[in-house]
Amino acid sequence: MLPILPMTTVYIVMILIIFLAAAIRILREYERGVIFTLGRFTGVKGPGLIILIPFIQRMERVDLRIIVLDVPEQDVISHDNVSVNVNAVVYFRVVDPEKAIIQVENFYAATSQLAQTTLRSVLGRHELDEMLAEREQLNYDIQEILDKQTDTWGIKISNVEIKHVDLNESMVRAIAKQAEAERERRAKVINAKGELEASKNLVEAAKILSDNPHGIQLRYLQTLSDISNDKTNTVVFPFPSDFQQFMKGIVKE
């Protein structure tokens, strides 16, 4: 029969268990503990086994892994007064646990709010075409501004990506009309350049033929050959202008 322990011993064992439970902390490899002793910062510990003095020391856990922050959809007015809905994603991590706990109350919420305001501010300085075509540069600009402002919080912004730039239906139709007009303009320009090049070639060919009468005769014979190969009941015989002048001379005589 096991001996019955005195109540005092039981109380001491229970107090010891409670003390150890309150004193022992285990931090993972990607975690750090910010230690406060009587409210004063006394250091950063971890990873591994951490022993605290109960009721005197307190610890705040900080995750050092990259955090994915989804920036909610923002209503942005572009520089050319176009209303668009934009959302983004921000990748950041804590590089200084002391600053992340002491300098800001909630670094996650603070980074989220700062990302939203910065997104609206940066995109509002650009036109819609730039938002659609220069997204990589805009990502870099937003990241640079966020990284500079969160540096005092011990936070490093790793990357910023604009996910979607959504337009209303009227703006989509307007952009489609603009693209169609641009295609028609390019087609007209290409057609005009082709006609200009063709006219230059015709002028050059005419000069060559006018300088060589035999060339005109050869061209006349080639035209007759082309007409003879055409299957039609009507045949038109072209004749050179000098032959017409010759016939006029005969009539006058």
C-alpha atoms as a PDB file:
ATOM      1  CA  MET A   1       0.000   0.000   0.000  1.00  0.00           C
ATOM      2  CA  LEU A   2       1.391   3.346  -1.075  1.00  0.00           C
ATOM      3  CA  PRO A   3       1.980   5.894   1.628  1.00  0.00           C
ATOM      4  CA  ILE A   4      -0.345   8.891   1.656  1.00  0.00           C
ATOM      5  CA  LEU A   5       1.512  12.155   1.122  1.00  0.00           C
ATOM      6  CA  PRO A   6       0.825  15.000   3.502  1.00  0.00           C
ATOM      7  CA  MET A   7      -1.335  17.787   2.131  1.00  0.00           C
ATOM      8  CA  THR A   8       1.551  20.200   2.421  1.00  0.00           C
ATOM      9  CA  THR A   9       3.647  18.069   0.071  1.00  0.00           C
ATOM     10  CA  VAL A  10       0.771  17.871  -2.395  1.00  0.00           C
ATOM     11  CA  TYR A  11       0.412  21.653  -2.366  1.00  0.00           C
ATOM     12  CA  ILE A  12       4.143  22.056  -2.900  1.00  0.00           C
ATOM     13  CA  VAL A  13       4.110  19.651  -5.871  1.00  0.00           C
ATOM     14  CA  MET A  14       1.118  21.431  -7.402  1.00  0.00           C
ATOM     15  CA  ILE A  15       2.780  24.806  -6.955  1.00  0.00           C
ATOM     16  CA  LEU A  16       5.966  23.449  -8.513  1.00  0.00           C
ATOM     17  CA  ILE A  17       4.034  22.119 -11.522  1.00  0.00           C
ATOM     18  CA  ILE A  18       2.239  25.445 -11.979  1.00  0.00           C
ATOM     19  CA  PHE A  19       5.562  27.254 -11.639  1.00  0.00           C
ATOM     20  CA  LEU A  20       7.224  25.097 -14.297  1.00  0.00           C
ATOM     21  CA  ALA A  21       4.243  25.427 -16.621  1.00  0.00           C
ATOM     22  CA  ALA A  22       4.416  29.208 -16.313  1.00  0.00           C
ATOM     23  CA  ALA A  23       8.215  29.336 -16.555  1.00  0.00           C
ATOM     24  CA  ILE A  24       8.997  27.003 -19.452  1.00  0.00           C
ATOM     25  CA  ARG A  25       8.520  28.090 -23.052  1.00  0.00           C
ATOM     26  CA  ILE A  26       9.594  26.278 -26.223  1.00  0.00           C
ATOM     27  CA  LEU A  27      10.232  28.315 -29.345  1.00  0.00           C
ATOM     28  CA  ARG A  28      10.436  26.815 -32.826  1.00  0.00           C
ATOM     29  CA  GLU A  29      13.283  27.490 -35.215  1.00  0.00           C
ATOM     30  CA  TYR A  30      11.362  30.292 -36.963  1.00  0.00           C
ATOM     31  CA  GLU A  31      10.180  31.925 -33.716  1.00  0.00           C
ATOM     32  CA  ARG A  32      11.764  34.447 -31.384  1.00  0.00           C
ATOM     33  CA  GLY A  33      10.652  35.592 -27.960  1.00  0.00           C
ATOM     34  CA  VAL A  34      10.767  39.249 -26.903  1.00  0.00           C
ATOM     35  CA  ILE A  35      11.296  39.220 -23.126  1.00  0.00           C
ATOM     36  CA  PHE A  36       9.972  41.906 -20.746  1.00  0.00           C
ATOM     37  CA  THR A  37      11.028  41.923 -17.086  1.00  0.00           C
ATOM     38  CA  LEU A  38       8.712  43.973 -14.915  1.00  0.00           C
ATOM     39  CA  GLY A  39       7.585  45.749 -18.063  1.00  0.00           C
ATOM     40  CA  ARG A  40      11.085  46.569 -19.299  1.00  0.00           C
ATOM     41  CA  PHE A  41      12.590  45.052 -22.439  1.00  0.00           C
ATOM     42  CA  THR A  42      15.434  42.710 -21.470  1.00  0.00           C
ATOM     43  CA  GLY A  43      16.274  40.882 -24.679  1.00  0.00           C
ATOM     44  CA  VAL A  44      15.271  38.564 -27.510  1.00  0.00           C
ATOM     45  CA  LYS A  45      15.598  34.799 -26.975  1.00  0.00           C
ATOM     46  CA  GLY A  46      15.132  31.639 -28.983  1.00  0.00           C
ATOM     47  CA  PRO A  47      14.794  29.255 -30.580  1.00  0.00           C
ATOM     48  CA  GLY A  48      14.681  26.340 -28.157  1.00  0.00           C
ATOM     49  CA  LEU A  49      13.876  26.100 -24.446  1.00  0.00           C
ATOM     50  CA  ILE A  50      13.207  29.387 -22.662  1.00  0.00           C
ATOM     51  CA  ILE A  51      12.775  29.710 -18.892  1.00  0.00           C
ATOM     52  CA  LEU A  52      10.894  32.714 -17.563  1.00  0.00           C
ATOM     53  CA  ILE A  53      10.402  33.972 -14.040  1.00  0.00           C
ATOM     54  CA  PRO A  54       6.637  33.680 -13.463  1.00  0.00           C
ATOM     55  CA  PHE A  55       4.746  36.904 -12.699  1.00  0.00           C
ATOM     56  CA  ILE A  56       7.958  38.893 -13.282  1.00  0.00           C
ATOM     57  CA  GLN A  57       8.853  38.147 -16.870  1.00  0.00           C
ATOM     58  CA  ARG A  58       6.572  38.062 -19.896  1.00  0.00           C
ATOM     59  CA  MET A  59       7.303  36.921 -23.456  1.00  0.00           C
ATOM     60  CA  GLU A  60       5.871  37.956 -26.839  1.00  0.00           C
ATOM     61  CA  ARG A  61       6.235  35.439 -29.673  1.00  0.00           C
ATOM     62  CA  VAL A  62       7.310  36.714 -33.096  1.00  0.00           C
ATOM     63  CA  ASP A  63       7.170  34.664 -36.301  1.00  0.00           C
ATOM     64  CA  LEU A  64      10.158  35.299 -38.586  1.00  0.00           C
ATOM     65  CA  ARG A  65       8.714  33.557 -41.655  1.00  0.00           C
ATOM     66  CA  ILE A  66       7.500  35.469 -44.708  1.00  0.00           C
ATOM     67  CA  ILE A  67       3.909  36.583 -44.185  1.00  0.00           C
ATOM     68  CA  VAL A  68       1.488  36.820 -47.105  1.00  0.00           C
ATOM     69  CA  LEU A  69      -0.750  39.867 -46.741  1.00  0.00           C
ATOM     70  CA  ASP A  70      -3.774  40.099 -49.030  1.00  0.00           C
ATOM     71  CA  VAL A  71      -4.570  43.766 -49.622  1.00  0.00           C
ATOM     72  CA  PRO A  72      -8.362  44.214 -49.950  1.00  0.00           C
ATOM     73  CA  GLU A  73      -9.830  45.662 -53.128  1.00  0.00           C
ATOM     74  CA  GLN A  74      -9.302  49.415 -53.289  1.00  0.00           C
ATOM     75  CA  ASP A  75     -11.266  52.008 -55.266  1.00  0.00           C
ATOM     76  CA  VAL A  76      -8.637  54.086 -57.075  1.00  0.00           C
ATOM     77  CA  ILE A  77      -9.089  57.215 -59.200  1.00  0.00           C
ATOM     78  CA  SER A  78      -6.334  57.318 -61.816  1.00  0.00           C
ATOM     79  CA  HIS A  79      -4.564  60.466 -62.965  1.00  0.00           C
ATOM     80  CA  ASP A  80      -6.841  60.629 -66.041  1.00  0.00           C
ATOM     81  CA  ASN A  81      -9.973  60.405 -63.811  1.00  0.00           C
ATOM     82  CA  VAL A  82     -10.808  56.737 -64.420  1.00  0.00           C
ATOM     83  CA  SER A  83     -12.291  54.767 -61.525  1.00  0.00           C
ATOM     84  CA  VAL A  84     -10.808  51.280 -61.124  1.00  0.00           C
ATOM     85  CA  ASN A  85     -10.850  48.580 -58.457  1.00  0.00           C
ATOM     86  CA  VAL A  86      -7.395  47.266 -57.605  1.00  0.00           C
ATOM     87  CA  ASN A  87      -6.232  44.583 -55.202  1.00  0.00           C
ATOM     88  CA  ALA A  88      -2.724  43.349 -54.420  1.00  0.00           C
ATOM     89  CA  VAL A  89      -0.679  40.984 -52.295  1.00  0.00           C
ATOM     90  CA  VAL A  90       2.284  41.954 -50.101  1.00  0.00           C
ATOM     91  CA  TYR A  91       5.039  39.621 -48.897  1.00  0.00           C
ATOM     92  CA  PHE A  92       6.898  40.749 -45.783  1.00  0.00           C
ATOM     93  CA  ARG A  93       8.779  39.359 -42.789  1.00  0.00           C
ATOM     94  CA  VAL A  94       9.999  40.531 -39.405  1.00  0.00           C
ATOM     95  CA  VAL A  95      13.752  41.135 -39.325  1.00  0.00           C
ATOM     96  CA  ASP A  96      13.916  42.864 -35.922  1.00  0.00           C
ATOM     97  CA  PRO A  97      11.541  41.331 -33.337  1.00  0.00           C
ATOM     98  CA  GLU A  98      12.313  44.052 -30.793  1.00  0.00           C
ATOM     99  CA  LYS A  99      11.120  46.864 -33.075  1.00  0.00           C
ATOM    100  CA  ALA A 100       8.150  44.843 -34.335  1.00  0.00           C
ATOM    101  CA  ILE A 101       6.805  44.528 -30.772  1.00  0.00           C
ATOM    102  CA  ILE A 102       7.905  47.808 -29.193  1.00  0.00           C
ATOM    103  CA  GLN A 103       7.610  50.344 -32.033  1.00  0.00           C
ATOM    104  CA  VAL A 104       4.098  49.416 -33.221  1.00  0.00           C
ATOM    105  CA  GLU A 105       1.093  47.972 -31.444  1.00  0.00           C
ATOM    106  CA  ASN A 106       0.119  45.415 -34.108  1.00  0.00           C
ATOM    107  CA  PHE A 107       2.643  45.217 -36.928  1.00  0.00           C
ATOM    108  CA  TYR A 108       0.379  43.019 -39.115  1.00  0.00           C
ATOM    109  CA  ALA A 109      -2.588  45.412 -38.978  1.00  0.00           C
ATOM    110  CA  ALA A 110      -0.302  48.429 -39.354  1.00  0.00           C
ATOM    111  CA  THR A 111       1.353  46.965 -42.450  1.00  0.00           C
ATOM    112  CA  SER A 112      -2.041  46.127 -43.935  1.00  0.00           C
ATOM    113  CA  GLN A 113      -3.381  49.654 -43.493  1.00  0.00           C
ATOM    114  CA  LEU A 114      -0.174  51.190 -44.815  1.00  0.00           C
ATOM    115  CA  ALA A 115      -0.275  48.924 -47.879  1.00  0.00           C
ATOM    116  CA  GLN A 116      -3.836  50.007 -48.673  1.00  0.00           C
ATOM    117  CA  THR A 117      -3.113  53.734 -48.460  1.00  0.00           C
ATOM    118  CA  THR A 118       0.156  53.394 -50.389  1.00  0.00           C
ATOM    119  CA  LEU A 119      -1.573  51.407 -53.138  1.00  0.00           C
ATOM    120  CA  ARG A 120      -4.181  54.142 -53.628  1.00  0.00           C
ATOM    121  CA  SER A 121      -1.592  56.908 -53.444  1.00  0.00           C
ATOM    122  CA  VAL A 122       0.859  55.429 -55.961  1.00  0.00           C
ATOM    123  CA  LEU A 123      -1.726  54.293 -58.512  1.00  0.00           C
ATOM    124  CA  GLY A 124      -3.569  57.599 -58.261  1.00  0.00           C
ATOM    125  CA  ARG A 125      -0.523  59.351 -59.724  1.00  0.00           C
ATOM    126  CA  HIS A 126      -0.602  57.238 -62.902  1.00  0.00           C
ATOM    127  CA  GLU A 127      -2.943  56.996 -65.868  1.00  0.00           C
ATOM    128  CA  LEU A 128      -4.963  53.902 -66.697  1.00  0.00           C
ATOM    129  CA  ASP A 129      -2.690  52.874 -69.582  1.00  0.00           C
ATOM    130  CA  GLU A 130       0.292  52.906 -67.230  1.00  0.00           C
ATOM    131  CA  MET A 131      -1.561  50.742 -64.689  1.00  0.00           C
ATOM    132  CA  LEU A 132      -2.207  48.139 -67.369  1.00  0.00           C
ATOM    133  CA  ALA A 133       1.130  48.260 -69.196  1.00  0.00           C
ATOM    134  CA  GLU A 134       3.681  49.131 -66.499  1.00  0.00           C
ATOM    135  CA  ARG A 135       2.542  46.906 -63.657  1.00  0.00           C
ATOM    136  CA  GLU A 136       6.046  45.667 -62.853  1.00  0.00           C
ATOM    137  CA  GLN A 137       7.338  49.211 -62.321  1.00  0.00           C
ATOM    138  CA  LEU A 138       4.323  50.069 -60.166  1.00  0.00           C
ATOM    139  CA  ASN A 139       4.978  46.978 -58.033  1.00  0.00           C
ATOM    140  CA  TYR A 140       8.533  48.145 -57.482  1.00  0.00           C
ATOM    141  CA  ASP A 141       7.454  51.696 -56.587  1.00  0.00           C
ATOM    142  CA  ILE A 142       4.923  50.454 -54.009  1.00  0.00           C
ATOM    143  CA  GLN A 143       7.450  48.030 -52.520  1.00  0.00           C
ATOM    144  CA  GLU A 144      10.096  50.747 -52.184  1.00  0.00           C
ATOM    145  CA  ILE A 145       7.720  53.120 -50.382  1.00  0.00           C
ATOM    146  CA  LEU A 146       6.415  50.421 -48.037  1.00  0.00           C
ATOM    147  CA  ASP A 147       9.898  49.131 -47.257  1.00  0.00           C
ATOM    148  CA  LYS A 148      11.114  52.600 -46.367  1.00  0.00           C
ATOM    149  CA  GLN A 149       8.186  53.319 -44.028  1.00  0.00           C
ATOM    150  CA  THR A 150       8.152  49.904 -42.303  1.00  0.00           C
ATOM    151  CA  ASP A 151      11.895  49.894 -41.666  1.00  0.00           C
ATOM    152  CA  THR A 152      11.361  51.580 -38.282  1.00  0.00           C
ATOM    153  CA  TRP A 153       9.027  48.694 -37.360  1.00  0.00           C
ATOM    154  CA  GLY A 154      11.695  46.065 -38.033  1.00  0.00           C
ATOM    155  CA  ILE A 155       9.813  44.789 -41.093  1.00  0.00           C
ATOM    156  CA  LYS A 156      11.233  43.998 -44.534  1.00  0.00           C
ATOM    157  CA  ILE A 157       8.909  44.126 -47.557  1.00  0.00           C
ATOM    158  CA  SER A 158      10.035  41.296 -49.824  1.00  0.00           C
ATOM    159  CA  ASN A 159       7.660  41.778 -52.748  1.00  0.00           C
ATOM    160  CA  VAL A 160       4.462  43.500 -53.876  1.00  0.00           C
ATOM    161  CA  GLU A 161       2.240  42.209 -56.669  1.00  0.00           C
ATOM    162  CA  ILE A 162      -0.822  43.938 -58.126  1.00  0.00           C
ATOM    163  CA  LYS A 163      -3.257  41.101 -58.819  1.00  0.00           C
ATOM    164  CA  HIS A 164      -6.239  42.646 -60.609  1.00  0.00           C
ATOM    165  CA  VAL A 165      -7.189  45.982 -62.160  1.00  0.00           C
ATOM    166  CA  ASP A 166     -10.961  45.796 -62.701  1.00  0.00           C
ATOM    167  CA  LEU A 167     -12.920  48.251 -64.864  1.00  0.00           C
ATOM    168  CA  ASN A 168     -16.648  48.841 -65.158  1.00  0.00           C
ATOM    169  CA  GLU A 169     -18.470  47.823 -68.349  1.00  0.00           C
ATOM    170  CA  SER A 170     -18.683  51.327 -69.802  1.00  0.00           C
ATOM    171  CA  MET A 171     -14.932  51.770 -69.484  1.00  0.00           C
ATOM    172  CA  VAL A 172     -14.313  48.352 -71.056  1.00  0.00           C
ATOM    173  CA  ARG A 173     -16.460  49.347 -74.052  1.00  0.00           C
ATOM    174  CA  ALA A 174     -14.624  52.667 -74.327  1.00  0.00           C
ATOM    175  CA  ILE A 175     -11.250  50.924 -74.327  1.00  0.00           C
ATOM    176  CA  ALA A 176     -12.490  48.476 -76.973  1.00  0.00           C
ATOM    177  CA  LYS A 177     -13.594  51.394 -79.189  1.00  0.00           C
ATOM    178  CA  GLN A 178     -10.274  53.104 -78.640  1.00  0.00           C
ATOM    179  CA  ALA A 179      -8.389  49.952 -79.640  1.00  0.00           C
ATOM    180  CA  GLU A 180     -10.554  49.562 -82.751  1.00  0.00           C
ATOM    181  CA  ALA A 181      -9.945  53.181 -83.747  1.00  0.00           C
ATOM    182  CA  GLU A 182      -6.216  52.694 -83.231  1.00  0.00           C
ATOM    183  CA  ARG A 183      -6.226  49.628 -85.491  1.00  0.00           C
ATOM    184  CA  GLU A 184      -8.110  51.553 -88.208  1.00  0.00           C
ATOM    185  CA  ARG A 185      -5.638  54.427 -87.926  1.00  0.00           C
ATOM    186  CA  ARG A 186      -2.691  52.072 -88.334  1.00  0.00           C
ATOM    187  CA  ALA A 187      -4.356  50.404 -91.334  1.00  0.00           C
ATOM    188  CA  LYS A 188      -4.872  53.792 -93.014  1.00  0.00           C
ATOM    189  CA  VAL A 189      -1.283  54.804 -92.319  1.00  0.00           C
ATOM    190  CA  ILE A 190       0.041  51.547 -93.781  1.00  0.00           C
ATOM    191  CA  ASN A 191      -2.240  51.929 -96.836  1.00  0.00           C
ATOM    192  CA  ALA A 192      -1.084  55.520 -97.369  1.00  0.00           C
ATOM    193  CA  LYS A 193       2.568  54.495 -97.103  1.00  0.00           C
ATOM    194  CA  GLY A 194       1.927  51.730 -99.660  1.00  0.00           C
ATOM    195  CA  GLU A 195       0.266  54.137-102.100  1.00  0.00           C
ATOM    196  CA  LEU A 196       3.095  56.637-101.658  1.00  0.00           C
ATOM    197  CA  GLU A 197       5.713  53.987-102.365  1.00  0.00           C
ATOM    198  CA  ALA A 198       3.742  52.716-105.375  1.00  0.00           C
ATOM    199  CA  SER A 199       3.372  56.243-106.803  1.00  0.00           C
ATOM    200  CA  LYS A 200       7.119  56.816-106.460  1.00  0.00           C
ATOM    201  CA  ASN A 201       7.795  53.599-108.339  1.00  0.00           C
ATOM    202  CA  LEU A 202       5.311  54.579-111.097  1.00  0.00           C
ATOM    203  CA  VAL A 203       6.949  57.987-111.500  1.00  0.00           C
ATOM    204  CA  GLU A 204      10.374  56.369-111.707  1.00  0.00           C
ATOM    205  CA  ALA A 205       9.129  53.825-114.254  1.00  0.00           C
ATOM    206  CA  ALA A 206       7.527  56.582-116.346  1.00  0.00           C
ATOM    207  CA  LYS A 207      10.799  58.500-116.429  1.00  0.00           C
ATOM    208  CA  ILE A 208      12.667  55.412-117.571  1.00  0.00           C
ATOM    209  CA  LEU A 209      10.123  54.715-120.348  1.00  0.00           C
ATOM    210  CA  SER A 210      10.071  58.337-121.518  1.00  0.00           C
ATOM    211  CA  ASP A 211      13.855  58.320-121.882  1.00  0.00           C
ATOM    212  CA  ASN A 212      13.799  55.155-124.032  1.00  0.00           C
ATOM    213  CA  PRO A 213      11.178  54.996-126.865  1.00  0.00           C
ATOM    214  CA  HIS A 214      11.924  51.318-127.487  1.00  0.00           C
ATOM    215  CA  GLY A 215      10.898  50.604-123.922  1.00  0.00           C
ATOM    216  CA  ILE A 216       7.468  52.093-124.625  1.00  0.00           C
ATOM    217  CA  GLN A 217       7.086  49.872-127.675  1.00  0.00           C
ATOM    218  CA  LEU A 218       8.031  46.798-125.652  1.00  0.00           C
ATOM    219  CA  ARG A 219       5.504  47.751-122.992  1.00  0.00           C
ATOM    220  CA  TYR A 220       2.865  48.174-125.713  1.00  0.00           C
ATOM    221  CA  LEU A 221       3.586  44.706-127.082  1.00  0.00           C
ATOM    222  CA  GLN A 222       3.438  43.220-123.606  1.00  0.00           C
ATOM    223  CA  THR A 223       0.021  44.810-123.077  1.00  0.00           C
ATOM    224  CA  LEU A 224      -1.256  43.311-126.337  1.00  0.00           C
ATOM    225  CA  SER A 225       0.025  39.898-125.242  1.00  0.00           C
ATOM    226  CA  ASP A 226      -1.842  40.207-121.943  1.00  0.00           C
ATOM    227  CA  ILE A 227      -5.065  41.151-123.756  1.00  0.00           C
ATOM    228  CA  SER A 228      -4.790  38.179-126.106  1.00  0.00           C
ATOM    229  CA  ASN A 229      -4.640  35.793-123.135  1.00  0.00           C
ATOM    230  CA  ASP A 230      -7.803  37.256-121.618  1.00  0.00           C
ATOM    231  CA  LYS A 231     -10.959  35.244-122.468  1.00  0.00           C
ATOM    232  CA  THR A 232     -13.434  37.976-123.383  1.00  0.00           C
ATOM    233  CA  ASN A 233     -15.555  39.011-126.353  1.00  0.00           C
ATOM    234  CA  THR A 234     -14.504  42.647-126.133  1.00  0.00           C
ATOM    235  CA  VAL A 235     -10.973  43.556-127.070  1.00  0.00           C
ATOM    236  CA  VAL A 236      -9.566  47.036-126.578  1.00  0.00           C
ATOM    237  CA  PHE A 237      -6.431  47.866-128.513  1.00  0.00           C
ATOM    238  CA  PRO A 238      -4.371  50.561-126.862  1.00  0.00           C
ATOM    239  CA  PHE A 239      -2.091  52.557-129.088  1.00  0.00           C
ATOM    240  CA  PRO A 240       0.663  54.968-128.243  1.00  0.00           C
ATOM    241  CA  SER A 241       0.222  58.715-128.358  1.00  0.00           C
ATOM    242  CA  ASP A 242       2.786  59.189-131.159  1.00  0.00           C
ATOM    243  CA  PHE A 243       0.648  56.981-133.408  1.00  0.00           C
ATOM    244  CA  GLN A 244      -2.305  59.234-132.682  1.00  0.00           C
ATOM    245  CA  GLN A 245      -0.275  62.296-133.699  1.00  0.00           C
ATOM    246  CA  PHE A 246       0.714  60.475-136.899  1.00  0.00           C
ATOM    247  CA  MET A 247      -2.918  59.817-137.779  1.00  0.00           C
ATOM    248  CA  LYS A 248      -3.872  63.448-137.141  1.00  0.00           C
ATOM    249  CA  GLY A 249      -1.163  64.531-139.600  1.00  0.00           C
ATOM    250  CA  ILE A 250      -2.552  62.258-142.297  1.00  0.00           C
ATOM    251  CA  VAL A 251      -6.092  63.644-141.822  1.00  0.00           C
ATOM    252  CA  LYS A 252      -4.869  67.228-142.153  1.00  0.00           C
ATOM    253  CA  GLU A 253      -3.148  66.473-145.440  1.00  0.00           C
END
